[in-house]
Amino acid sequence: MSRTLIVVGLIIVAVGLLWPWLSRIGLGRLPGDIVIERENFTFYAPIATGILICIVLSIILWLVNR
């Protein structure tokens, strides 16, 4: 269990560091991501991006545990 948490943490750190490059390919601006912009307020809910990342991580962890 601890090895899995370490791997998940490292993946989250890697995605955080690579986010500027990932946003250039369209990750974060998928259909289903909600962006509401007002004068002094911006709300961003990356629903489709979160689902995509969840599916990819589930497949990777499934393959690692296999």
Protein backbone atom coordinates (compact mmCIF):
# COMPACT_ATOMS: atom_id res chain seq x y z
CA MET A 1 0.00 0.00 0.00
CA SER A 2 2.78 2.46 0.84
CA ARG A 3 4.49 1.81 -2.50
CA THR A 4 1.25 2.63 -4.31
CA LEU A 5 0.86 5.90 -2.40
CA ILE A 6 4.44 6.88 -3.21
CA VAL A 7 3.88 6.15 -6.91
CA VAL A 8 0.62 8.13 -6.94
CA GLY A 9 2.36 11.04 -5.19
CA LEU A 10 5.20 11.02 -7.71
CA ILE A 11 2.72 10.98 -10.58
CA ILE A 12 0.87 13.96 -9.10
CA VAL A 13 4.14 15.87 -8.70
CA ALA A 14 5.14 15.02 -12.29
CA VAL A 15 1.80 16.22 -13.66
CA GLY A 16 2.12 19.42 -11.63
CA LEU A 17 5.57 20.10 -13.02
CA LEU A 18 4.57 19.24 -16.58
CA TRP A 19 1.26 21.16 -16.49
CA PRO A 20 2.47 24.11 -18.65
CA TRP A 21 3.40 21.69 -21.42
CA LEU A 22 0.30 19.53 -20.96
CA SER A 23 -1.97 22.55 -21.33
CA ARG A 24 -0.43 23.28 -24.73
CA ILE A 25 -1.72 19.95 -26.10
CA GLY A 26 -5.26 20.70 -24.89
CA LEU A 27 -5.32 18.97 -21.52
CA GLY A 28 -7.35 21.25 -19.27
CA ARG A 29 -9.48 22.65 -22.07
CA LEU A 30 -11.50 19.57 -22.94
CA PRO A 31 -15.22 19.64 -23.68
CA GLY A 32 -16.82 19.21 -20.27
CA ASP A 33 -14.38 21.45 -18.41
CA ILE A 34 -16.35 24.33 -16.90
CA VAL A 35 -14.87 27.84 -16.90
CA ILE A 36 -16.84 30.81 -15.57
CA GLU A 37 -15.09 34.18 -15.79
CA ARG A 38 -16.43 37.34 -14.20
CA GLU A 39 -14.75 40.66 -13.43
CA ASN A 40 -13.11 39.70 -10.13
CA PHE A 41 -13.80 35.97 -10.12
CA THR A 42 -12.80 32.93 -12.15
CA PHE A 43 -14.23 29.47 -11.49
CA TYR A 44 -12.60 26.47 -13.17
CA ALA A 45 -13.90 22.90 -12.78
CA PRO A 46 -11.90 20.44 -14.91
CA ILE A 47 -14.50 17.67 -14.91
CA ALA A 48 -13.58 15.99 -18.22
CA THR A 49 -9.85 16.36 -17.57
CA GLY A 50 -10.26 14.80 -14.13
CA ILE A 51 -12.18 11.84 -15.55
CA LEU A 52 -9.53 11.32 -18.24
CA ILE A 53 -6.68 11.43 -15.72
CA CYS A 54 -8.59 9.05 -13.43
CA ILE A 55 -9.06 6.52 -16.23
CA VAL A 56 -5.40 6.70 -17.26
CA LEU A 57 -4.19 6.30 -13.67
CA SER A 58 -6.59 3.40 -13.10
CA ILE A 59 -5.23 1.58 -16.15
CA ILE A 60 -1.61 2.23 -15.11
CA LEU A 61 -2.20 1.02 -11.53
CA TRP A 62 -4.11 -2.02 -12.82
CA LEU A 63 -1.16 -2.94 -15.04
CA VAL A 64 1.34 -2.40 -12.20
CA ASN A 65 -0.63 -4.64 -9.81
CA ARG A 66 -1.11 -7.34 -12.42
